[in-house]
Amino acid sequence: MPAAHHPNRHLTVALALVVPASLAACSPDPPTEPAPTPTAVPRPAGPGAARDELAALAAAAQDRHLIARYRLRADGATDRLIVFTSANDGSWRVDVPGGALGGTVDITLVAVAAGLYQCALPSAVRPEPAVCVRLGEPDDTLPRRLDPRVQHPFTDWLDVLTDRRAPLSVSPAMAPPEATGTCYSVETTAASINPPLDVGIYCFDADGTPTGVRVAFGTLTLAAPPEPAPGTVQLPGPVVEGEPLGLAAPAVDPTALADLESTGSDVSAGTP
């Protein structure tokens, strides 16, 4: 006997198919989350990646010719403005206020094809015209007593940063205060009496402009946008025979001091 026909059964099936579809049509699509905005420039990953990136920036710095002004901050000293010039022909110059005789004389170091020179500049303490003394060949190493050290991050230390054989450990670092660019912490991995560079923080813009350095002698930060480079640098004065000026303040002549004391002068006050 055939089964009885139940029209309600077909209605139930139809509703079962329609209701989920209508609910799906009424349900709002979940909102699409916007991609997060990067908060920092992606850094390279993997062993040696930071070293590779720093070497590339240092190589770009070697090819970067400019006039750049840097603020130098050091413990126990007032801020000074260091001016570094890298000319298109490869010559360079760095002006160092208070760079000799205990901070009393302004100097500049100039490296040209004819040699490396130290020039004493006119200042309140030394009003005489600028004169220069030849120190040696352009790439000679200065003795400590003559070396203001502020030129190294822009000259020979770049050679070290690009040399993969140099015993260095490099890692990303935060920028020192007032510095910009991408920064790296550089450490030496071999004990040496004369390390190839000072350990510290080195910062560069993407075009190779050095923007900041924090090392033993102080912190250098770029103080203004760089200016176009000259074709070459010039010595600020004539070359003369004589001894270069040392970093240390001149010692007091004991004979002159004894003469002052014998006349009853008050040396500390500077009055009779």
Protein backbone atom coordinates (compact mmCIF):
# COMPACT_ATOMS: atom_id res chain seq x y z
CA MET A 1 0.00 0.00 0.00
CA PRO A 2 1.56 3.27 -0.98
CA ALA A 3 2.56 5.64 1.74
CA ALA A 4 0.27 8.52 2.41
CA HIS A 5 1.21 11.82 0.87
CA HIS A 6 2.04 14.46 3.53
CA PRO A 7 2.31 17.98 2.04
CA ASN A 8 3.59 19.36 5.38
CA ARG A 9 6.74 17.25 5.01
CA HIS A 10 7.73 19.05 1.81
CA LEU A 11 7.09 22.41 3.47
CA THR A 12 9.35 21.47 6.35
CA VAL A 13 12.18 20.51 4.02
CA ALA A 14 11.81 23.72 2.05
CA LEU A 15 11.98 25.82 5.20
CA ALA A 16 15.04 23.93 6.36
CA LEU A 17 16.80 24.91 3.15
CA VAL A 18 15.64 28.51 3.01
CA VAL A 19 16.20 29.60 6.62
CA PRO A 20 20.04 29.00 6.76
CA ALA A 21 20.44 30.74 3.43
CA SER A 22 18.43 33.75 4.57
CA LEU A 23 20.40 33.92 7.83
CA ALA A 24 23.66 33.83 5.90
CA ALA A 25 22.41 36.62 3.64
CA CYS A 26 21.53 38.76 6.67
CA SER A 27 24.80 38.15 8.54
CA PRO A 28 27.29 40.99 7.95
CA ASP A 29 30.68 40.06 6.59
CA PRO A 30 33.42 40.29 9.24
CA PRO A 31 35.35 43.56 8.85
CA THR A 32 38.67 43.29 7.10
CA GLU A 33 41.49 44.28 9.43
CA PRO A 34 43.86 46.84 7.84
CA ALA A 35 47.46 45.80 7.57
CA PRO A 36 49.46 47.11 10.54
CA THR A 37 51.63 50.13 9.85
CA PRO A 38 55.31 49.29 10.29
CA THR A 39 56.84 51.04 13.30
CA ALA A 40 60.43 50.58 12.19
CA VAL A 41 62.44 49.90 9.09
CA PRO A 42 62.79 46.14 8.65
CA ARG A 43 66.25 45.00 9.61
CA PRO A 44 68.12 42.15 7.95
CA ALA A 45 67.99 38.77 9.63
CA GLY A 46 70.48 35.97 9.82
CA PRO A 47 74.10 35.62 10.88
CA GLY A 48 76.20 38.52 9.70
CA ALA A 49 73.26 40.48 8.27
CA ALA A 50 73.89 43.60 10.37
CA ARG A 51 77.59 43.43 9.50
CA ASP A 52 76.74 43.28 5.80
CA GLU A 53 74.35 46.22 6.01
CA LEU A 54 76.84 48.35 7.97
CA ALA A 55 79.61 47.51 5.49
CA ALA A 56 77.38 48.66 2.62
CA LEU A 57 76.57 51.96 4.35
CA ALA A 58 80.22 52.56 5.21
CA ALA A 59 81.15 51.94 1.56
CA ALA A 60 78.53 54.48 0.54
CA ALA A 61 80.01 56.92 3.07
CA GLN A 62 83.42 56.54 1.43
CA ASP A 63 81.87 57.68 -1.85
CA ARG A 64 79.88 60.49 -0.20
CA HIS A 65 81.45 63.93 -0.76
CA LEU A 66 80.02 66.77 1.30
CA ILE A 67 80.49 69.50 3.86
CA ALA A 68 78.90 68.40 7.13
CA ARG A 69 78.66 70.00 10.56
CA TYR A 70 78.57 67.86 13.68
CA ARG A 71 77.91 68.72 17.30
CA LEU A 72 80.53 67.16 19.57
CA ARG A 73 79.52 66.43 23.14
CA ALA A 74 82.03 65.10 25.63
CA ASP A 75 81.98 64.75 29.41
CA GLY A 76 83.45 67.74 31.18
CA ALA A 77 83.59 69.95 28.07
CA THR A 78 81.34 72.45 26.37
CA ASP A 79 79.72 71.44 23.09
CA ARG A 80 81.78 72.14 19.97
CA LEU A 81 80.91 72.31 16.28
CA ILE A 82 83.12 70.04 14.14
CA VAL A 83 83.13 70.71 10.40
CA PHE A 84 84.12 67.86 8.10
CA THR A 85 84.75 68.40 4.38
CA SER A 86 85.15 65.53 1.92
CA ALA A 87 86.06 66.97 -1.47
CA ASN A 88 85.32 65.44 -4.84
CA ASP A 89 89.00 64.67 -5.48
CA GLY A 90 89.33 62.61 -2.29
CA SER A 91 91.02 65.27 -0.16
CA TRP A 92 89.47 66.03 3.20
CA ARG A 93 89.56 68.54 6.05
CA VAL A 94 88.21 68.58 9.60
CA ASP A 95 88.02 71.78 11.67
CA VAL A 96 88.35 71.23 15.42
CA PRO A 97 87.67 74.17 17.75
CA GLY A 98 89.84 73.86 20.83
CA GLY A 99 91.67 70.94 19.26
CA ALA A 100 95.14 71.72 20.68
CA LEU A 101 96.98 72.97 23.75
CA GLY A 102 94.37 71.96 26.25
CA GLY A 103 91.47 73.39 24.28
CA THR A 104 92.97 76.86 23.86
CA VAL A 105 93.84 76.73 20.15
CA ASP A 106 91.60 75.93 17.17
CA ILE A 107 93.11 73.63 14.57
CA THR A 108 92.27 71.89 11.33
CA LEU A 109 93.62 68.66 9.87
CA VAL A 110 93.93 68.61 6.09
CA ALA A 111 94.78 65.61 3.91
CA VAL A 112 95.69 66.39 0.30
CA ALA A 113 97.87 64.65 -2.25
CA ALA A 114 100.96 66.44 -0.92
CA GLY A 115 100.50 65.15 2.62
CA LEU A 116 98.70 65.42 5.95
CA TYR A 117 98.84 68.82 7.64
CA GLN A 118 97.91 70.35 10.97
CA CYS A 119 97.00 74.04 10.74
CA ALA A 120 96.63 76.42 13.66
CA LEU A 121 93.66 78.74 13.06
CA PRO A 122 93.15 82.31 14.27
CA SER A 123 91.16 82.57 17.49
CA ALA A 124 90.75 84.82 20.51
CA VAL A 125 93.69 83.11 22.20
CA ARG A 126 95.80 82.98 19.03
CA PRO A 127 95.02 85.98 16.79
CA GLU A 128 97.92 85.30 14.37
CA PRO A 129 97.11 84.20 10.79
CA ALA A 130 96.73 80.49 10.08
CA VAL A 131 99.88 78.46 9.46
CA CYS A 132 100.28 74.78 8.65
CA VAL A 133 102.82 72.10 9.53
CA ARG A 134 103.23 68.92 7.51
CA LEU A 135 102.69 65.79 9.60
CA GLY A 136 103.45 63.12 6.99
CA GLU A 137 101.78 61.27 4.15
CA PRO A 138 98.00 61.60 3.64
CA ASP A 139 97.24 58.20 5.20
CA ASP A 140 99.84 58.29 8.00
CA THR A 141 98.77 57.43 11.55
CA LEU A 142 98.99 60.33 13.99
CA PRO A 143 100.66 59.83 17.38
CA ARG A 144 98.24 60.05 20.29
CA ARG A 145 99.68 63.37 21.47
CA LEU A 146 98.59 65.02 18.20
CA ASP A 147 95.40 63.10 17.39
CA PRO A 148 92.04 64.82 18.12
CA ARG A 149 90.36 61.58 16.91
CA VAL A 150 87.19 63.26 15.63
CA GLN A 151 88.29 62.74 12.01
CA HIS A 152 88.47 58.94 12.25
CA PRO A 153 84.73 58.12 11.90
CA PHE A 154 84.76 59.89 8.53
CA THR A 155 88.12 58.67 7.21
CA ASP A 156 90.11 55.55 8.13
CA TRP A 157 87.49 53.92 10.38
CA LEU A 158 85.25 53.58 7.33
CA ASP A 159 87.93 51.30 5.87
CA VAL A 160 87.64 49.08 8.93
CA LEU A 161 83.83 48.96 8.78
CA THR A 162 83.95 47.80 5.16
CA ASP A 163 86.63 45.15 5.80
CA ARG A 164 85.02 41.78 6.48
CA ARG A 165 88.35 40.48 7.82
CA ALA A 166 88.39 43.05 10.63
CA PRO A 167 87.70 41.47 14.05
CA LEU A 168 84.33 43.15 14.63
CA SER A 169 80.96 42.14 16.04
CA VAL A 170 78.05 44.21 14.70
CA SER A 171 74.43 44.36 15.87
CA PRO A 172 71.51 46.80 15.41
CA ALA A 173 71.36 49.59 18.00
CA MET A 174 69.17 52.47 19.13
CA ALA A 175 70.26 55.91 17.96
CA PRO A 176 71.99 58.13 20.54
CA PRO A 177 70.04 61.26 21.59
CA GLU A 178 69.63 63.73 18.69
CA ALA A 179 71.06 61.25 16.17
CA THR A 180 69.10 59.93 13.19
CA GLY A 181 69.55 57.18 10.64
CA THR A 182 70.19 53.48 11.03
CA CYS A 183 72.52 52.66 13.91
CA TYR A 184 74.78 49.75 14.82
CA SER A 185 76.69 48.69 17.88
CA VAL A 186 80.27 47.79 16.95
CA GLU A 187 82.52 45.75 19.22
CA THR A 188 85.98 44.31 18.64
CA THR A 189 86.35 40.55 18.95
CA ALA A 190 90.13 40.42 19.42
CA ALA A 191 92.18 41.94 22.22
CA SER A 192 94.61 44.55 20.94
CA ILE A 193 96.69 47.37 22.34
CA ASN A 194 95.80 49.41 19.25
CA PRO A 195 92.29 48.37 18.12
CA PRO A 196 91.39 49.28 14.53
CA LEU A 197 88.63 51.63 15.69
CA ASP A 198 86.80 52.73 18.82
CA VAL A 199 83.93 50.50 19.90
CA GLY A 200 80.60 52.28 20.11
CA ILE A 201 77.52 53.26 18.11
CA TYR A 202 77.73 54.21 14.42
CA CYS A 203 74.77 55.72 12.52
CA PHE A 204 74.24 56.41 8.80
CA ASP A 205 71.54 57.70 6.48
CA ALA A 206 70.54 55.51 3.56
CA ASP A 207 72.79 57.53 1.21
CA GLY A 208 75.86 56.88 3.37
CA THR A 209 75.92 60.20 5.24
CA PRO A 210 77.32 59.61 8.74
CA THR A 211 74.64 60.96 11.10
CA GLY A 212 75.94 60.02 14.54
CA VAL A 213 78.80 58.39 16.41
CA ARG A 214 79.12 57.60 20.11
CA VAL A 215 82.59 56.44 21.07
CA ALA A 216 85.23 57.02 23.74
CA PHE A 217 86.03 60.63 22.83
CA GLY A 218 82.35 61.72 22.88
CA THR A 219 79.20 61.82 20.77
CA LEU A 220 79.01 63.37 17.30
CA THR A 221 75.59 64.16 15.83
CA LEU A 222 74.80 65.76 12.49
CA ALA A 223 73.83 69.36 13.29
CA ALA A 224 72.52 70.53 9.88
CA PRO A 225 71.80 69.13 6.42
CA PRO A 226 75.05 68.48 4.50
CA GLU A 227 76.19 70.95 1.86
CA PRO A 228 77.64 70.18 -1.58
CA ALA A 229 81.32 69.24 -1.64
CA PRO A 230 84.03 71.43 -3.15
CA GLY A 231 86.27 70.13 -5.91
CA THR A 232 89.21 70.04 -3.49
CA VAL A 233 90.19 71.38 -0.07
CA GLN A 234 92.76 74.11 0.42
CA LEU A 235 95.23 74.67 3.22
CA PRO A 236 94.02 77.67 5.24
CA GLY A 237 97.54 79.11 5.51
CA PRO A 238 101.13 78.72 4.34
CA VAL A 239 103.24 75.69 5.27
CA VAL A 240 105.99 76.55 7.76
CA GLU A 241 108.80 74.69 9.45
CA GLY A 242 108.08 73.90 13.07
CA GLU A 243 106.56 71.51 15.54
CA PRO A 244 102.84 70.69 15.44
CA LEU A 245 100.66 71.63 18.40
CA GLY A 246 99.91 68.86 20.88
CA LEU A 247 96.61 68.12 22.57
CA ALA A 248 97.83 68.79 26.10
CA ALA A 249 97.97 72.20 27.69
CA PRO A 250 101.50 73.63 27.77
CA ALA A 251 103.38 72.97 30.95
CA VAL A 252 104.18 75.91 33.21
CA ASP A 253 107.82 76.97 32.89
CA PRO A 254 109.26 76.29 36.39
CA THR A 255 111.87 79.02 35.92
CA ALA A 256 109.22 81.63 35.14
CA LEU A 257 107.13 80.40 38.06
CA ALA A 258 110.11 80.70 40.42
CA ASP A 259 110.74 84.26 39.18
CA LEU A 260 107.13 85.20 39.88
CA GLU A 261 107.27 83.71 43.37
CA SER A 262 110.55 85.52 44.14
CA THR A 263 108.92 88.88 43.34
CA GLY A 264 106.07 88.15 45.71
CA SER A 265 103.46 87.84 42.97
CA ASP A 266 100.23 86.02 43.68
CA VAL A 267 100.35 83.47 40.88
CA SER A 268 96.91 82.04 41.57
CA ALA A 269 95.26 85.44 41.33
CA GLY A 270 97.48 86.73 38.55
CA THR A 271 98.08 90.05 40.38
CA PRO A 272 101.09 91.44 42.27
